[in-house]
N, C-alpha and C. Protein backbone atom coordinates (compact mmCIF):
# COMPACT_ATOMS: atom_id res chain seq x y z
N UNK A 1 118.31 114.75 245.15
CA UNK A 1 116.97 115.37 244.98
C UNK A 1 117.39 116.76 245.37
N UNK A 2 117.31 117.92 244.21
CA UNK A 2 117.67 118.86 244.76
C UNK A 2 116.30 119.66 245.54
N UNK A 3 116.32 120.36 246.67
CA UNK A 3 115.72 121.45 247.01
C UNK A 3 115.10 122.85 247.06
N UNK A 4 116.10 123.50 245.79
CA UNK A 4 115.86 124.83 245.60
C UNK A 4 114.94 124.85 244.80
N UNK A 5 114.20 126.27 245.21
CA UNK A 5 113.28 126.46 243.91
C UNK A 5 113.85 126.51 242.65
N UNK A 6 112.78 126.43 241.54
CA UNK A 6 112.98 126.49 240.38
C UNK A 6 114.07 127.75 239.90
N UNK A 7 113.74 129.63 240.44
CA UNK A 7 114.00 130.53 240.16
C UNK A 7 115.31 130.57 240.95
N UNK A 8 115.61 129.94 241.90
CA UNK A 8 116.90 130.46 242.59
C UNK A 8 118.23 129.13 241.83
N UNK A 9 117.36 128.30 241.36
CA UNK A 9 118.63 126.99 240.66
C UNK A 9 118.84 127.42 239.27
N UNK A 10 117.83 128.45 238.92
CA UNK A 10 117.62 128.80 237.22
C UNK A 10 119.52 129.91 237.53
N UNK A 11 119.76 130.93 238.16
CA UNK A 11 120.63 131.39 237.84
C UNK A 11 120.96 132.14 236.86
N UNK A 12 121.89 131.43 236.27
CA UNK A 12 122.25 132.64 235.12
C UNK A 12 121.25 132.73 233.84
N UNK A 13 120.60 131.63 233.81
CA UNK A 13 119.22 131.31 233.12
C UNK A 13 117.82 132.28 233.26
N UNK A 14 117.84 132.60 234.11
CA UNK A 14 116.81 134.08 234.65
C UNK A 14 117.40 135.26 233.93
N UNK A 15 118.85 135.71 234.38
CA UNK A 15 119.53 136.50 234.01
C UNK A 15 119.12 136.52 232.62
N UNK A 16 119.54 135.50 231.35
CA UNK A 16 119.73 135.59 230.33
C UNK A 16 117.67 135.96 230.04
N UNK A 17 117.44 135.55 230.57
CA UNK A 17 115.85 135.46 230.18
C UNK A 17 115.13 136.63 230.39
N UNK A 18 115.76 137.54 231.05
CA UNK A 18 115.33 138.86 231.61
C UNK A 18 116.47 139.97 230.32
N UNK A 19 117.24 139.40 230.17
CA UNK A 19 117.93 140.24 229.19
C UNK A 19 117.15 140.12 227.75
N UNK A 20 117.21 139.10 227.23
CA UNK A 20 116.06 139.13 225.91
C UNK A 20 114.40 139.24 226.29
N UNK A 21 113.91 139.38 227.70
CA UNK A 21 112.64 140.20 227.62
C UNK A 21 112.99 141.44 227.54
N UNK A 22 114.02 142.38 228.00
CA UNK A 22 114.23 143.72 227.67
C UNK A 22 114.47 144.25 226.35
N UNK A 23 115.54 143.14 225.56
CA UNK A 23 115.66 143.34 224.05
C UNK A 23 114.71 143.56 223.56
N UNK A 24 113.63 142.55 223.78
CA UNK A 24 112.68 142.06 222.91
C UNK A 24 111.61 143.90 223.44
N UNK A 25 110.81 143.83 224.55
CA UNK A 25 110.85 145.41 224.84
C UNK A 25 111.16 146.35 223.88
N UNK A 26 112.32 146.62 224.28
CA UNK A 26 113.04 147.95 223.61
C UNK A 26 112.93 147.91 222.28
N UNK A 27 113.05 146.77 221.33
CA UNK A 27 112.89 146.51 219.84
C UNK A 27 111.02 147.36 219.21
N UNK A 28 110.33 146.73 220.58
CA UNK A 28 108.79 146.76 220.43
C UNK A 28 108.83 148.37 220.61
N UNK A 29 109.65 149.03 221.90
CA UNK A 29 109.62 150.20 221.63
C UNK A 29 110.42 151.36 220.36
N UNK A 30 110.56 150.30 219.65
CA UNK A 30 111.51 151.08 218.27
C UNK A 30 110.55 151.51 217.56
N UNK A 31 109.56 150.24 217.24
CA UNK A 31 108.81 149.87 216.54
C UNK A 31 107.91 150.89 216.49
N UNK A 32 107.54 151.14 218.12
CA UNK A 32 106.40 151.66 218.01
C UNK A 32 106.59 153.45 217.48
N UNK A 33 107.52 153.53 218.54
CA UNK A 33 108.37 155.24 217.86
C UNK A 33 108.50 155.63 216.52
N UNK A 34 108.97 154.38 215.66
CA UNK A 34 108.81 154.40 214.29
C UNK A 34 107.56 154.97 213.73
N UNK A 35 106.29 153.95 214.17
CA UNK A 35 104.70 154.40 213.99
C UNK A 35 104.21 155.73 213.92
N UNK A 36 105.02 156.26 215.24
CA UNK A 36 104.58 157.51 215.87
C UNK A 36 104.83 157.99 215.03
N UNK A 37 106.39 157.86 214.25
CA UNK A 37 107.17 159.11 213.41
C UNK A 37 106.10 158.94 212.36
N UNK A 38 105.46 158.20 211.74
CA UNK A 38 104.72 157.77 210.51
C UNK A 38 103.54 158.24 210.59
N UNK A 39 102.89 158.69 211.83
CA UNK A 39 101.18 159.36 212.20
C UNK A 39 102.08 160.80 212.25
N UNK A 40 102.81 161.38 212.85
CA UNK A 40 103.29 162.65 212.87
C UNK A 40 103.74 163.23 211.19
N UNK A 41 103.75 162.45 210.37
CA UNK A 41 103.93 162.95 209.28
C UNK A 41 102.81 163.07 208.36
N UNK A 42 101.87 162.37 208.75
CA UNK A 42 100.17 161.91 208.43
C UNK A 42 99.52 162.76 208.81
N UNK A 43 99.64 163.71 210.24
CA UNK A 43 98.72 164.26 211.03
C UNK A 43 98.96 165.84 210.71
N UNK A 44 97.82 166.62 209.92
CA UNK A 44 97.69 167.86 209.54
C UNK A 44 97.51 168.48 210.84
N UNK A 45 96.99 168.04 212.18
CA UNK A 45 96.31 168.97 213.20
C UNK A 45 97.80 169.14 214.06
N UNK A 46 97.90 170.75 214.29
CA UNK A 46 99.24 171.03 214.90
C UNK A 46 99.22 170.48 216.48
N UNK A 47 98.29 170.21 216.89
CA UNK A 47 98.07 169.78 218.48
C UNK A 47 97.85 168.70 218.52
N UNK A 48 97.45 167.89 217.79
CA UNK A 48 98.13 165.94 217.73
C UNK A 48 99.22 166.10 217.07
N UNK A 49 100.18 167.09 216.35
CA UNK A 49 101.34 166.84 215.89
C UNK A 49 102.12 167.49 217.21
N UNK A 50 101.65 167.88 218.19
CA UNK A 50 102.66 168.46 219.40
C UNK A 50 102.64 167.62 220.12
N UNK A 51 101.41 166.73 220.41
CA UNK A 51 101.81 165.34 221.44
C UNK A 51 102.36 164.45 221.00
N UNK A 52 102.29 163.87 219.50
CA UNK A 52 102.84 162.98 218.98
C UNK A 52 104.38 163.25 219.14
N UNK A 53 105.07 164.55 218.76
CA UNK A 53 106.34 164.88 219.01
C UNK A 53 107.10 164.44 220.11
N UNK A 54 105.96 165.02 221.04
CA UNK A 54 106.72 164.80 222.96
C UNK A 54 106.56 163.64 223.03
N UNK A 55 105.59 162.54 223.14
CA UNK A 55 105.87 161.16 222.51
C UNK A 55 106.77 160.63 222.40
N UNK A 56 107.34 160.78 220.98
CA UNK A 56 108.51 160.64 220.23
C UNK A 56 110.17 160.65 221.58
N UNK A 57 109.47 162.13 221.56
CA UNK A 57 110.94 162.58 222.52
C UNK A 57 111.04 161.59 223.83
N UNK A 58 109.80 161.45 224.11
CA UNK A 58 110.05 160.48 225.01
C UNK A 58 110.32 159.12 225.38
N UNK A 59 109.78 158.74 224.39
CA UNK A 59 109.83 157.19 224.13
C UNK A 59 111.81 156.69 223.02
N UNK A 60 112.24 158.04 222.85
CA UNK A 60 113.75 157.98 222.41
C UNK A 60 114.29 158.42 223.64
N UNK A 61 114.33 159.07 224.70
CA UNK A 61 114.72 159.22 226.18
C UNK A 61 115.21 157.88 226.74
N UNK A 62 113.73 157.36 226.51
CA UNK A 62 114.08 155.78 227.12
C UNK A 62 114.50 154.94 226.78
N UNK A 63 114.73 154.41 225.70
CA UNK A 63 115.27 154.01 224.35
C UNK A 63 116.73 154.40 225.18
N UNK A 64 117.33 155.47 225.10
CA UNK A 64 118.42 155.90 225.61
C UNK A 64 119.17 155.27 226.33
N UNK A 65 118.58 155.27 227.56
CA UNK A 65 118.67 154.67 228.37
C UNK A 65 118.96 153.49 229.00
N UNK A 66 118.55 152.37 227.71
CA UNK A 66 118.59 151.11 227.69
C UNK A 66 119.89 150.46 227.08
N UNK A 67 120.50 149.57 228.49
CA UNK A 67 122.50 148.99 228.24
C UNK A 67 121.65 147.67 226.96
N UNK A 68 120.60 147.46 226.35
CA UNK A 68 120.28 146.67 225.10
C UNK A 68 121.02 146.91 223.82
N UNK A 69 121.44 148.74 224.23
CA UNK A 69 121.97 149.03 222.77
C UNK A 69 123.23 149.26 222.46
N UNK A 70 123.93 149.44 221.85
CA UNK A 70 125.10 149.85 221.90
C UNK A 70 125.53 151.70 222.05
N UNK A 71 126.34 151.57 222.95
CA UNK A 71 126.69 153.35 223.12
C UNK A 71 126.37 154.35 222.11
N UNK A 72 126.80 153.73 220.80
CA UNK A 72 126.86 154.84 219.59
C UNK A 72 125.05 154.80 219.51
N UNK A 73 124.53 153.74 219.43
CA UNK A 73 123.20 153.65 219.05
C UNK A 73 122.15 154.57 220.21
N UNK A 74 122.48 154.20 221.56
CA UNK A 74 122.14 155.18 222.17
C UNK A 74 122.22 157.00 221.80
N UNK A 75 123.39 157.05 221.62
CA UNK A 75 124.08 158.55 221.55
C UNK A 75 122.97 158.98 220.22
N UNK A 76 123.12 158.12 219.07
CA UNK A 76 122.23 158.50 217.92
C UNK A 76 120.45 158.70 218.53
N UNK A 77 119.84 158.24 219.37
CA UNK A 77 118.83 158.11 219.77
C UNK A 77 118.89 159.61 221.10
N UNK A 78 119.76 159.67 221.81
CA UNK A 78 119.59 160.81 222.43
C UNK A 78 119.74 162.45 221.51
N UNK A 79 120.44 162.46 220.69
CA UNK A 79 120.22 163.50 219.61
C UNK A 79 118.39 163.16 219.01
N UNK A 80 118.25 162.11 218.54
CA UNK A 80 117.09 162.15 218.25
C UNK A 80 116.19 162.98 219.08
N UNK A 81 116.07 162.43 220.31
CA UNK A 81 115.19 163.06 221.44
C UNK A 81 115.31 164.22 221.72
N UNK A 82 116.44 165.26 221.44
CA UNK A 82 116.57 166.30 221.76
C UNK A 82 115.84 167.16 220.16
N UNK A 83 116.52 166.74 219.25
CA UNK A 83 115.43 167.01 217.96
C UNK A 83 114.23 167.05 217.85
N UNK A 84 113.56 165.67 218.42
CA UNK A 84 111.94 166.16 218.63
C UNK A 84 111.36 166.55 220.05
N UNK A 85 112.22 166.75 220.74
CA UNK A 85 111.54 167.86 222.05
C UNK A 85 111.55 168.86 221.36
N UNK A 86 112.71 169.70 220.25
CA UNK A 86 113.00 170.96 219.83
C UNK A 86 111.72 171.01 218.80
N UNK A 87 111.45 170.45 218.22
CA UNK A 87 110.01 170.24 217.13
C UNK A 87 109.04 169.96 218.27
N UNK A 88 108.60 169.91 219.31
CA UNK A 88 107.47 169.65 219.98
C UNK A 88 107.08 171.40 220.62
N UNK A 89 108.66 171.38 221.01
CA UNK A 89 108.67 173.05 221.50
C UNK A 89 108.11 174.15 220.53
N UNK A 90 108.31 173.84 219.15
CA UNK A 90 107.84 174.80 217.79
C UNK A 90 106.70 174.54 218.05
N UNK A 91 106.35 173.63 217.57
CA UNK A 91 105.18 173.52 217.81
C UNK A 91 103.85 173.87 219.22
N UNK A 92 104.59 173.43 220.09
CA UNK A 92 103.70 174.12 221.02
C UNK A 92 103.80 175.77 220.85
N UNK A 93 105.15 176.48 220.63
CA UNK A 93 105.06 178.03 220.17
C UNK A 93 104.00 178.95 219.67
N UNK A 94 103.53 177.81 218.46
CA UNK A 94 102.73 177.94 217.44
C UNK A 94 101.05 177.85 217.93
N UNK A 95 101.21 176.89 218.87
CA UNK A 95 99.95 176.47 219.34
C UNK A 95 99.15 178.19 220.43
N UNK A 96 100.24 178.61 220.69
CA UNK A 96 100.08 179.51 221.95
C UNK A 96 99.46 181.32 221.17
N UNK A 97 100.17 181.21 219.76
CA UNK A 97 99.83 181.85 218.61
C UNK A 97 98.27 182.04 218.18
N UNK A 98 97.82 181.03 218.27
CA UNK A 98 96.90 180.55 217.59
C UNK A 98 95.37 181.66 218.57
N UNK A 99 94.44 182.06 217.99
CA UNK A 99 93.47 182.21 218.93
C UNK A 99 92.54 180.65 219.16
N UNK A 100 91.52 180.47 220.26
CA UNK A 100 90.82 179.23 220.57
C UNK A 100 89.62 180.09 220.59
N UNK A 101 89.19 178.96 220.79
CA UNK A 101 87.57 178.93 221.49
C UNK A 101 86.86 180.16 220.47
N UNK A 102 86.43 180.38 219.31
CA UNK A 102 85.97 181.15 218.22
C UNK A 102 86.39 182.56 218.49
N UNK A 103 87.59 182.90 219.39
CA UNK A 103 87.83 184.54 219.67
C UNK A 103 89.00 184.62 218.77
N UNK A 104 89.09 185.58 217.65
CA UNK A 104 89.79 186.33 216.45
C UNK A 104 88.80 185.82 215.51
N UNK A 105 88.02 185.01 215.05
CA UNK A 105 87.45 184.67 213.68
C UNK A 105 86.85 186.10 213.41
N UNK A 106 87.00 186.30 211.94
CA UNK A 106 86.89 187.24 211.32
C UNK A 106 85.27 186.94 210.92
N UNK A 107 84.55 188.25 210.76
CA UNK A 107 83.12 188.06 210.14
C UNK A 107 82.72 189.00 208.80
N UNK A 108 82.78 188.26 207.48
CA UNK A 108 82.73 188.98 206.87
C UNK A 108 81.40 190.13 206.56
N UNK A 109 82.03 191.36 205.89
CA UNK A 109 81.07 192.66 205.46
C UNK A 109 79.91 191.72 204.95
N UNK A 110 78.71 191.93 205.28
CA UNK A 110 77.19 191.72 204.94
C UNK A 110 77.29 192.84 203.36
C-alpha cells in the first residue's frame, strides 16, 4: 500500500500537466491577441484604438516571457510588442492634440 499523496506520487506527471496547462494558456492568449488585432483594424475611434494597442502590446510582452515558445518565436513577440507600443504612443500623441469637452468646436456663422 502506498501512503504518499497522489500529488507527490505523481512527480513527473504533475510537471507534464503544468507544462500542458501553460501551453494551452499561451495558445489562448495568442488567439485573444489576434482577436484584438482584428478589433483594432475594425475600430475607427482613436481612443479605443489606443486602448486596444496597449493591450495587444502587453499580451505580446507576456507571450515573449513564456518558455513554451521557441527563442525565435519569443524574439518575434518582442519585436511585435515594441511595434504595438510605438503604435499606442502614436495614438496617445494624437489624443493630446484633440480638443475635449466641446472646447474648440466651431460655430457656423448665422
